[in-house]
């Protein structure tokens, strides 16, 4: 969910030829704590004006931490800036490219056409795999295109249903292109629902209808594989030098009420108007066809290890069922910690992370009154950030399954998820 400067000029400076991957050789990664208003204003100005400082998190408020990539030739400028405004700045790595290179090594002893979770998959591989599932499990699983992206890629939704009348759960992942761990976790969960012999998992399969959008931003996701690993937005060229809109700021519920931008080169650019993007409209139109069946809307993001509740917009009220959602989030946090002791913080978006507006979490609960709406921000706490090594896919997915089992059990005791 976090943000980075997405200026096209960065690609020119890095010397990327068409069709090649952006490289970050000898880029230094700093973790910065914003402690006062002066630091916030300085960093916001730098983010807008300096293409050699790449912000992986947009500085929106005092008290938050941001990650900043600094090119080698601008290192002294950054150090002087940090000294001038007394930044609390921790150097995480002196060569960010080494982290990228180590993220996704080829899986060992694996056929080229075999789908798995020892490495991150491409969009085509994900789509081919779910299409194969639709054939193999045709009595309970269907795949539907809910429309095409700006660049003409399908947006595919999986529906998994064992019996009529089950309460529904909607899962959305990879709305932010670079958050690869989200679609990897989603596909692992889908496979586990279909193949696990664990009674607790089988109960999830038979007692709920699952509506799963594994890649909500197919153009951006593809772009992270071919051109820039750190790309966040979609690919629509509202600005020819700075294409793309943050789809998770584009939904028409308290749009542009904090934590979003009207500057096209910013990675939290909310678009020229609410629901301006075809991907947003595709998701909205599909959700409206199933909303009466959905008890839980669940977004997958990275990173930071949070369970986030509505709302995120500026000066937002709490949801009417805030105490219920908080109890359910607590159960999820306990579930996340059960297997690997991974700590998760829970609360509203605005309370525990930062102000943001126009998200699907806010839209689902605030506009559509979906009873439960949450966002999981997955591993980690900053060691790798968005570039989580592939060997953490399965552990992350396992603890997510534990969290789902715990939170759904808790919610049932509170009167949610009753069969119709």
Protein backbone atom coordinates (compact mmCIF):
# COMPACT_ATOMS: atom_id res chain seq x y z
CA UNK A 1 0.00 0.00 0.00
CA UNK A 2 2.97 2.29 0.48
CA UNK A 3 4.12 4.81 -2.14
CA UNK A 4 7.05 5.76 -4.37
CA UNK A 5 7.86 8.58 -6.82
CA UNK A 6 6.92 7.21 -10.23
CA UNK A 7 8.31 9.86 -12.55
CA UNK A 8 9.13 8.74 -16.06
CA UNK A 9 12.30 10.79 -15.73
CA UNK A 10 13.65 8.28 -13.20
CA UNK A 11 13.73 5.69 -15.97
CA UNK A 12 15.71 8.05 -18.21
CA UNK A 13 18.24 8.74 -15.48
CA UNK A 14 18.68 5.04 -14.84
CA UNK A 15 19.41 4.55 -18.53
CA UNK A 16 16.75 1.97 -19.23
CA UNK A 17 16.32 0.93 -22.81
CA UNK A 18 12.91 -0.06 -24.08
CA UNK A 19 12.12 -3.59 -22.99
CA UNK A 20 14.80 -3.73 -20.29
CA UNK A 21 14.38 -3.90 -16.54
CA UNK A 22 15.19 -0.82 -14.51
CA UNK A 23 18.28 -1.46 -12.44
CA UNK A 24 19.13 0.02 -9.04
CA UNK A 25 22.83 -0.76 -8.84
CA UNK A 26 24.45 0.85 -5.78
CA UNK A 27 21.27 2.68 -4.84
CA UNK A 28 21.22 3.19 -1.08
CA UNK A 29 18.01 2.39 0.79
CA UNK A 30 17.31 4.54 3.84
CA UNK A 31 14.54 4.13 6.43
CA UNK A 32 13.47 7.56 7.61
CA UNK A 33 11.32 8.55 10.60
CA UNK A 34 9.41 11.81 10.17
CA UNK A 35 9.31 13.52 13.54
CA UNK A 36 8.12 17.07 12.85
CA UNK A 37 6.26 19.27 10.38
CA UNK A 38 9.42 20.82 8.93
CA UNK A 39 10.79 17.40 8.00
CA UNK A 40 7.47 16.45 6.45
CA UNK A 41 7.34 19.56 4.23
CA UNK A 42 10.97 19.18 3.15
CA UNK A 43 10.49 15.53 2.22
CA UNK A 44 7.28 16.26 0.32
CA UNK A 45 9.06 18.94 -1.71
CA UNK A 46 12.00 16.64 -2.39
CA UNK A 47 9.66 13.84 -3.46
CA UNK A 48 8.08 16.09 -6.07
CA UNK A 49 11.23 17.73 -7.39
CA UNK A 50 14.16 15.32 -7.16
CA UNK A 51 14.13 12.32 -9.46
CA UNK A 52 17.22 10.88 -7.82
CA UNK A 53 15.42 10.29 -4.52
CA UNK A 54 12.81 7.57 -5.03
CA UNK A 55 10.27 7.41 -2.23
CA UNK A 56 8.84 3.94 -1.69
CA UNK A 57 6.42 5.48 0.82
CA UNK A 58 4.90 8.88 0.17
CA UNK A 59 5.43 11.22 3.16
CA UNK A 60 1.89 12.14 4.21
CA UNK A 61 2.10 12.88 7.93
CA UNK A 62 4.30 13.37 10.96
CA UNK A 63 4.98 10.14 12.84
CA UNK A 64 5.22 7.84 9.84
CA UNK A 65 8.28 6.05 8.50
CA UNK A 66 9.29 6.20 4.85
CA UNK A 67 11.78 4.29 2.73
CA UNK A 68 13.91 6.30 0.30
CA UNK A 69 16.13 5.01 -2.50
CA UNK A 70 19.08 7.30 -3.27
CA UNK A 71 21.14 7.07 -6.44
CA UNK A 72 24.94 6.91 -5.98
CA UNK A 73 25.54 10.33 -7.49
CA UNK A 74 23.05 11.96 -5.15
CA UNK A 75 24.22 10.25 -1.97
CA UNK A 76 26.11 13.27 -0.62
CA UNK A 77 23.08 15.48 -1.34
CA UNK A 78 20.88 13.14 0.65
CA UNK A 79 23.28 12.99 3.59
CA UNK A 80 23.47 16.79 3.65
CA UNK A 81 19.65 17.01 3.55
CA UNK A 82 19.38 14.55 6.44
CA UNK A 83 21.85 16.61 8.44
CA UNK A 84 20.13 19.92 7.67
CA UNK A 85 16.69 18.84 8.92
CA UNK A 86 17.92 16.36 11.56
CA UNK A 87 16.39 13.29 9.94
CA UNK A 88 16.47 10.04 11.85
CA UNK A 89 17.78 7.96 8.96
CA UNK A 90 18.87 4.32 8.98
CA UNK A 91 20.85 2.82 6.12
CA UNK A 92 19.26 -0.53 5.17
CA UNK A 93 21.46 -1.44 2.19
CA UNK A 94 24.12 0.13 -0.02
CA UNK A 95 23.03 -1.83 -3.12
CA UNK A 96 19.31 -2.24 -3.60
CA UNK A 97 19.85 -4.16 -6.84
CA UNK A 98 21.35 -7.04 -4.85
CA UNK A 99 18.04 -7.38 -2.96
CA UNK A 100 16.13 -7.41 -6.25
CA UNK A 101 18.49 -10.01 -7.75
CA UNK A 102 18.00 -12.33 -4.77
CA UNK A 103 14.21 -11.97 -4.59
CA UNK A 104 13.04 -14.55 -7.11
CA UNK A 105 15.60 -17.25 -7.95
CA UNK A 106 14.32 -20.04 -10.23
CA UNK A 107 12.73 -22.88 -8.29
CA UNK A 108 14.84 -26.02 -8.11
CA UNK A 109 13.72 -29.29 -9.71
CA UNK A 110 10.70 -27.63 -11.30
CA UNK A 111 9.36 -28.07 -14.82
CA UNK A 112 9.08 -24.84 -16.79
CA UNK A 113 5.30 -25.30 -17.08
CA UNK A 114 4.75 -26.22 -13.43
CA UNK A 115 2.90 -23.73 -11.22
CA UNK A 116 4.10 -23.41 -7.65
CA UNK A 117 5.00 -21.14 -4.76
CA UNK A 118 8.77 -21.41 -4.57
CA UNK A 119 8.98 -18.48 -6.97
CA UNK A 120 6.80 -15.55 -8.04
CA UNK A 121 4.63 -16.21 -11.08
CA UNK A 122 3.82 -14.11 -14.13
CA UNK A 123 0.33 -12.93 -15.02
CA UNK A 124 0.07 -15.47 -17.84
CA UNK A 125 1.11 -18.30 -15.51
CA UNK A 126 -1.50 -17.28 -12.93
CA UNK A 127 -4.25 -17.07 -15.54
CA UNK A 128 -3.30 -20.38 -17.17
CA UNK A 129 -3.33 -22.06 -13.75
CA UNK A 130 -6.76 -20.79 -12.70
CA UNK A 131 -8.16 -21.72 -16.13
CA UNK A 132 -6.86 -25.26 -15.57
CA UNK A 133 -8.53 -25.29 -12.15
CA UNK A 134 -11.85 -24.38 -13.78
CA UNK A 135 -11.59 -27.53 -15.89
CA UNK A 136 -10.36 -29.78 -13.09
CA UNK A 137 -12.91 -28.59 -10.50
CA UNK A 138 -15.73 -27.64 -12.84
CA UNK A 139 -18.49 -28.56 -10.39
CA UNK A 140 -17.40 -26.01 -7.78
CA UNK A 141 -15.07 -23.52 -9.48
CA UNK A 142 -15.63 -21.03 -12.28
CA UNK A 143 -13.44 -18.34 -13.83
CA UNK A 144 -14.98 -15.16 -15.21
CA UNK A 145 -13.52 -12.14 -16.94
CA UNK A 146 -14.97 -8.98 -15.41
CA UNK A 147 -13.58 -6.78 -18.18
CA UNK A 148 -10.31 -5.66 -19.69
CA UNK A 149 -7.62 -3.33 -18.45
CA UNK A 150 -6.48 -0.20 -20.28
CA UNK A 151 -3.89 -2.24 -22.22
CA UNK A 152 -6.41 -4.97 -23.04
CA UNK A 153 -5.58 -7.62 -20.45
CA UNK A 154 -8.40 -9.63 -18.90
CA UNK A 155 -9.32 -9.14 -15.26
CA UNK A 156 -10.21 -12.63 -14.08
CA UNK A 157 -12.24 -13.57 -11.00
CA UNK A 158 -12.44 -17.05 -9.52
CA UNK A 159 -15.65 -18.16 -7.82
CA UNK A 160 -15.45 -21.18 -5.54
CA UNK A 161 -18.80 -22.46 -4.24
CA UNK A 162 -19.80 -25.77 -2.70
CA UNK A 163 -23.45 -25.07 -2.00
CA UNK A 164 -26.08 -22.42 -2.56
CA UNK A 165 -26.79 -20.02 0.29
CA UNK A 166 -23.26 -19.80 1.66
CA UNK A 167 -22.12 -16.38 2.88
CA UNK A 168 -19.59 -14.80 0.55
CA UNK A 169 -16.00 -13.60 0.97
CA UNK A 170 -14.38 -11.36 -1.64
CA UNK A 171 -10.57 -11.25 -1.86
CA UNK A 172 -8.72 -8.68 -3.95
CA UNK A 173 -4.95 -8.71 -4.45
CA UNK A 174 -2.26 -6.98 -6.50
CA UNK A 175 -4.17 -3.72 -6.95
CA UNK A 176 -0.70 -2.27 -6.34
CA UNK A 177 1.49 -3.79 -9.02
CA UNK A 178 4.73 -4.30 -7.10
CA UNK A 179 3.16 -6.18 -4.18
CA UNK A 180 3.86 -9.62 -5.62
CA UNK A 181 3.39 -11.41 -2.31
CA UNK A 182 -0.33 -10.64 -2.48
CA UNK A 183 -1.22 -12.64 -5.61
CA UNK A 184 1.23 -15.36 -4.58
CA UNK A 185 -0.58 -15.70 -1.25
CA UNK A 186 -4.00 -15.58 -2.91
CA UNK A 187 -3.18 -18.41 -5.31
CA UNK A 188 -1.65 -20.51 -2.52
CA UNK A 189 -4.81 -20.06 -0.45
CA UNK A 190 -6.97 -21.06 -3.40
CA UNK A 191 -4.91 -24.19 -3.93
CA UNK A 192 -5.11 -25.02 -0.22
CA UNK A 193 -8.89 -24.65 -0.21
CA UNK A 194 -9.10 -27.14 -3.06
CA UNK A 195 -6.54 -29.71 -1.91
CA UNK A 196 -6.12 -29.61 1.87
CA UNK A 197 -7.26 -32.54 4.01
CA UNK A 198 -7.21 -30.36 7.16
CA UNK A 199 -10.79 -30.30 8.57
CA UNK A 200 -10.49 -26.59 9.42
CA UNK A 201 -9.58 -25.77 5.81
CA UNK A 202 -12.25 -28.07 4.41
CA UNK A 203 -14.77 -26.20 6.56
CA UNK A 204 -13.69 -22.96 4.90
CA UNK A 205 -14.23 -24.55 1.51
CA UNK A 206 -17.69 -25.91 2.19
CA UNK A 207 -19.13 -23.16 4.41
CA UNK A 208 -18.32 -20.05 2.37
CA UNK A 209 -18.50 -18.86 -1.21
CA UNK A 210 -15.15 -17.38 -2.30
CA UNK A 211 -14.87 -14.65 -4.91
CA UNK A 212 -11.18 -14.09 -5.68
CA UNK A 213 -9.59 -11.41 -7.88
CA UNK A 214 -5.93 -12.48 -7.87
CA UNK A 215 -4.58 -9.57 -9.95
CA UNK A 216 -6.63 -6.36 -9.81
CA UNK A 217 -4.00 -4.39 -11.75
CA UNK A 218 -2.86 -6.66 -14.60
CA UNK A 219 -1.11 -3.96 -16.66
CA UNK A 220 0.92 -2.68 -13.73
CA UNK A 221 1.73 -6.22 -12.56
CA UNK A 222 2.98 -7.15 -16.03
CA UNK A 223 5.07 -3.96 -16.11
CA UNK A 224 6.81 -4.93 -12.86
CA UNK A 225 7.91 -8.15 -14.55
CA UNK A 226 9.18 -6.58 -17.76
CA UNK A 227 10.32 -3.03 -17.00
CA UNK A 228 10.28 -1.67 -13.43
CA UNK A 229 10.00 -3.96 -10.41
CA UNK A 230 8.91 -1.04 -8.20
CA UNK A 231 5.96 0.14 -10.30
CA UNK A 232 2.78 0.70 -8.28
CA UNK A 233 0.00 2.22 -10.41
CA UNK A 234 -1.95 1.18 -13.47
CA UNK A 235 -0.63 2.26 -16.90
CA UNK A 236 -3.15 4.80 -18.17
CA UNK A 237 -1.28 7.85 -19.59
CA UNK A 238 -3.19 10.79 -18.13
CA UNK A 239 0.22 12.46 -18.22
CA UNK A 240 2.53 11.33 -21.03
CA UNK A 241 5.66 11.63 -18.85
CA UNK A 242 4.04 10.16 -15.74
CA UNK A 243 1.50 7.48 -16.64
CA UNK A 244 -0.64 5.64 -14.17
CA UNK A 245 -3.19 6.06 -11.38
CA UNK A 246 -3.15 4.54 -7.92
CA UNK A 247 -6.26 2.37 -8.23
CA UNK A 248 -6.55 2.17 -4.45
CA UNK A 249 -7.08 5.93 -4.34
CA UNK A 250 -9.55 5.98 -7.24
CA UNK A 251 -12.73 4.57 -5.69
CA UNK A 252 -15.68 6.96 -5.30
CA UNK A 253 -16.02 7.10 -1.54
CA UNK A 254 -14.53 10.20 0.12
CA UNK A 255 -12.25 10.47 -2.92
CA UNK A 256 -9.33 12.89 -2.48
CA UNK A 257 -10.00 13.45 1.23
CA UNK A 258 -6.44 12.96 2.43
CA UNK A 259 -3.51 10.68 1.66
CA UNK A 260 -3.97 11.03 -2.09
CA UNK A 261 -2.56 13.36 -4.73
CA UNK A 262 -3.66 15.28 -7.80
CA UNK A 263 -0.08 15.34 -9.13
CA UNK A 264 0.17 12.76 -11.91
CA UNK A 265 3.86 12.03 -11.24
CA UNK A 266 3.08 11.04 -7.67
CA UNK A 267 2.56 7.37 -6.87
CA UNK A 268 -0.61 8.11 -4.89
CA UNK A 269 -2.15 10.00 -7.82
CA UNK A 270 -5.90 9.46 -7.39
CA UNK A 271 -6.77 10.10 -11.02
CA UNK A 272 -8.55 13.07 -12.57
CA UNK A 273 -11.90 12.04 -11.09
CA UNK A 274 -13.44 9.28 -8.95
CA UNK A 275 -13.59 5.93 -10.78
CA UNK A 276 -11.76 7.42 -13.76
CA UNK A 277 -9.96 4.13 -14.45
CA UNK A 278 -11.40 1.21 -16.39
CA UNK A 279 -9.95 -1.26 -13.86
CA UNK A 280 -11.76 0.57 -11.05
CA UNK A 281 -15.03 0.53 -12.96
CA UNK A 282 -14.66 -3.16 -13.81
CA UNK A 283 -14.21 -3.99 -10.12
CA UNK A 284 -17.11 -1.76 -9.07
CA UNK A 285 -19.51 -3.18 -11.65
CA UNK A 286 -18.64 -6.77 -10.77
CA UNK A 287 -18.85 -6.19 -7.02
CA UNK A 288 -22.28 -4.66 -7.42
CA UNK A 289 -23.51 -7.96 -8.92
CA UNK A 290 -22.46 -9.96 -5.86
CA UNK A 291 -22.58 -7.42 -3.03
CA UNK A 292 -25.77 -8.84 -1.48
CA UNK A 293 -23.91 -12.13 -0.90
CA UNK A 294 -20.67 -10.69 0.54
CA UNK A 295 -20.09 -10.60 4.30
CA UNK A 296 -16.35 -9.87 4.13
CA UNK A 297 -14.39 -7.72 1.68
CA UNK A 298 -10.69 -8.44 2.10
CA UNK A 299 -7.79 -6.62 0.46
CA UNK A 300 -4.27 -8.04 0.37
CA UNK A 301 -1.38 -5.56 0.38
CA UNK A 302 2.22 -5.29 1.54
CA UNK A 303 4.06 -4.36 3.62
CA UNK A 304 4.19 -3.63 7.38
CA UNK A 305 2.19 -6.43 9.06
CA UNK A 306 -1.08 -4.63 9.67
CA UNK A 307 -4.75 -5.58 9.80
CA UNK A 308 -6.51 -2.42 8.67
CA UNK A 309 -10.15 -1.49 9.16
CA UNK A 310 -12.25 1.34 7.72
CA UNK A 311 -11.84 4.22 7.51
CA UNK A 312 -8.76 5.90 6.08
CA UNK A 313 -9.96 9.29 4.90
CA UNK A 314 -9.19 12.53 6.75
CA UNK A 315 -11.16 13.07 9.99
CA UNK A 316 -13.14 9.89 9.40
CA UNK A 317 -15.68 8.54 11.85
CA UNK A 318 -15.40 4.96 13.04
CA UNK A 319 -17.61 2.29 11.45
CA UNK A 320 -20.88 1.55 13.25
CA UNK A 321 -19.62 -1.95 14.01
CA UNK A 322 -16.10 -0.82 14.86
CA UNK A 323 -15.93 -2.79 18.12
CA UNK A 324 -16.95 -5.98 16.29
CA UNK A 325 -14.41 -5.47 13.53
CA UNK A 326 -11.72 -4.72 16.10
CA UNK A 327 -12.43 -7.98 17.96
CA UNK A 328 -12.33 -9.92 14.70
CA UNK A 329 -9.07 -8.20 13.72
CA UNK A 330 -7.61 -9.15 17.09
CA UNK A 331 -8.50 -12.78 16.40
CA UNK A 332 -6.80 -12.50 13.01
CA UNK A 333 -3.67 -11.04 14.62
CA UNK A 334 -3.54 -13.96 17.04
CA UNK A 335 -3.88 -16.29 14.06
CA UNK A 336 -1.05 -14.55 12.20
CA UNK A 337 1.25 -15.03 15.19
CA UNK A 338 0.34 -18.65 15.87
CA UNK A 339 2.75 -20.43 13.54
CA UNK A 340 5.81 -18.19 13.14
CA UNK A 341 5.28 -15.57 15.88
CA UNK A 342 4.72 -12.88 13.25
CA UNK A 343 3.29 -9.79 14.98
CA UNK A 344 0.47 -7.83 13.34
CA UNK A 345 -0.87 -4.45 14.44
CA UNK A 346 -4.60 -3.83 13.97
CA UNK A 347 -6.90 -0.82 13.87
CA UNK A 348 -8.34 1.62 11.36
CA UNK A 349 -6.27 2.69 8.37
CA UNK A 350 -6.03 6.25 9.65
CA UNK A 351 -5.22 5.24 13.23
CA UNK A 352 -2.43 2.73 12.73
CA UNK A 353 -0.99 3.42 9.27
CA UNK A 354 -1.77 6.78 7.69
CA UNK A 355 -4.58 8.79 6.16
CA UNK A 356 -5.63 7.58 2.73
CA UNK A 357 -8.85 8.00 0.78
CA UNK A 358 -10.50 6.33 -2.18
CA UNK A 359 -9.58 2.76 -1.15
CA UNK A 360 -11.66 -0.32 -1.83
CA UNK A 361 -11.69 -1.10 1.91
CA UNK A 362 -13.46 2.18 2.65
CA UNK A 363 -15.69 1.92 -0.43
CA UNK A 364 -16.93 -1.60 0.28
CA UNK A 365 -17.94 -0.83 3.86
CA UNK A 366 -18.89 2.83 3.56
CA UNK A 367 -20.75 2.81 0.25
CA UNK A 368 -21.98 -0.77 -0.04
CA UNK A 369 -22.37 -1.49 3.68
CA UNK A 370 -20.51 -4.78 3.39
CA UNK A 371 -20.52 -5.81 7.07
CA UNK A 372 -16.81 -6.58 7.39
CA UNK A 373 -14.12 -4.88 5.32
CA UNK A 374 -10.44 -5.27 6.07
CA UNK A 375 -7.00 -5.00 4.55
CA UNK A 376 -4.09 -7.30 5.36
CA UNK A 377 -0.68 -5.65 4.92
CA UNK A 378 1.64 -8.66 4.70
CA UNK A 379 5.27 -9.20 5.65
CA UNK A 380 7.61 -7.69 6.44
CA UNK A 381 8.47 -4.76 8.71
CA UNK A 382 11.01 -3.21 6.39
CA UNK A 383 13.98 -5.54 5.95
CA UNK A 384 12.80 -6.33 2.41
CA UNK A 385 9.61 -4.29 2.08
CA UNK A 386 7.95 -4.85 -1.29
CA UNK A 387 10.76 -7.13 -2.43
CA UNK A 388 9.96 -10.05 -0.15
CA UNK A 389 12.10 -13.09 -1.03
CA UNK A 390 10.24 -15.93 -2.67
CA UNK A 391 11.19 -18.31 0.12
CA UNK A 392 8.75 -16.37 2.32
CA UNK A 393 5.73 -16.93 0.06
CA UNK A 394 4.60 -20.15 1.71
CA UNK A 395 5.25 -19.06 5.32
CA UNK A 396 3.35 -15.83 4.66
CA UNK A 397 0.49 -17.75 3.08
CA UNK A 398 0.37 -20.31 5.88
CA UNK A 399 0.01 -17.67 8.56
CA UNK A 400 -2.61 -15.89 6.44
CA UNK A 401 -4.63 -19.11 6.37
CA UNK A 402 -4.27 -19.35 10.16
CA UNK A 403 -5.53 -15.77 10.46
CA UNK A 404 -8.53 -16.47 8.21
CA UNK A 405 -9.51 -19.56 10.20
CA UNK A 406 -9.28 -17.63 13.48
CA UNK A 407 -11.11 -14.51 12.35
CA UNK A 408 -13.95 -16.34 10.62
CA UNK A 409 -14.50 -18.52 13.67
CA UNK A 410 -14.62 -15.41 15.86
CA UNK A 411 -16.97 -13.60 13.49
CA UNK A 412 -19.38 -16.53 13.49
CA UNK A 413 -19.69 -16.39 17.27
CA UNK A 414 -20.69 -12.73 16.87
CA UNK A 415 -23.52 -13.43 14.44
CA UNK A 416 -21.74 -12.87 11.13
CA UNK A 417 -21.62 -15.36 8.24
CA UNK A 418 -25.06 -16.88 8.73
CA UNK A 419 -26.33 -18.97 5.79
CA UNK A 420 -29.26 -17.50 3.88
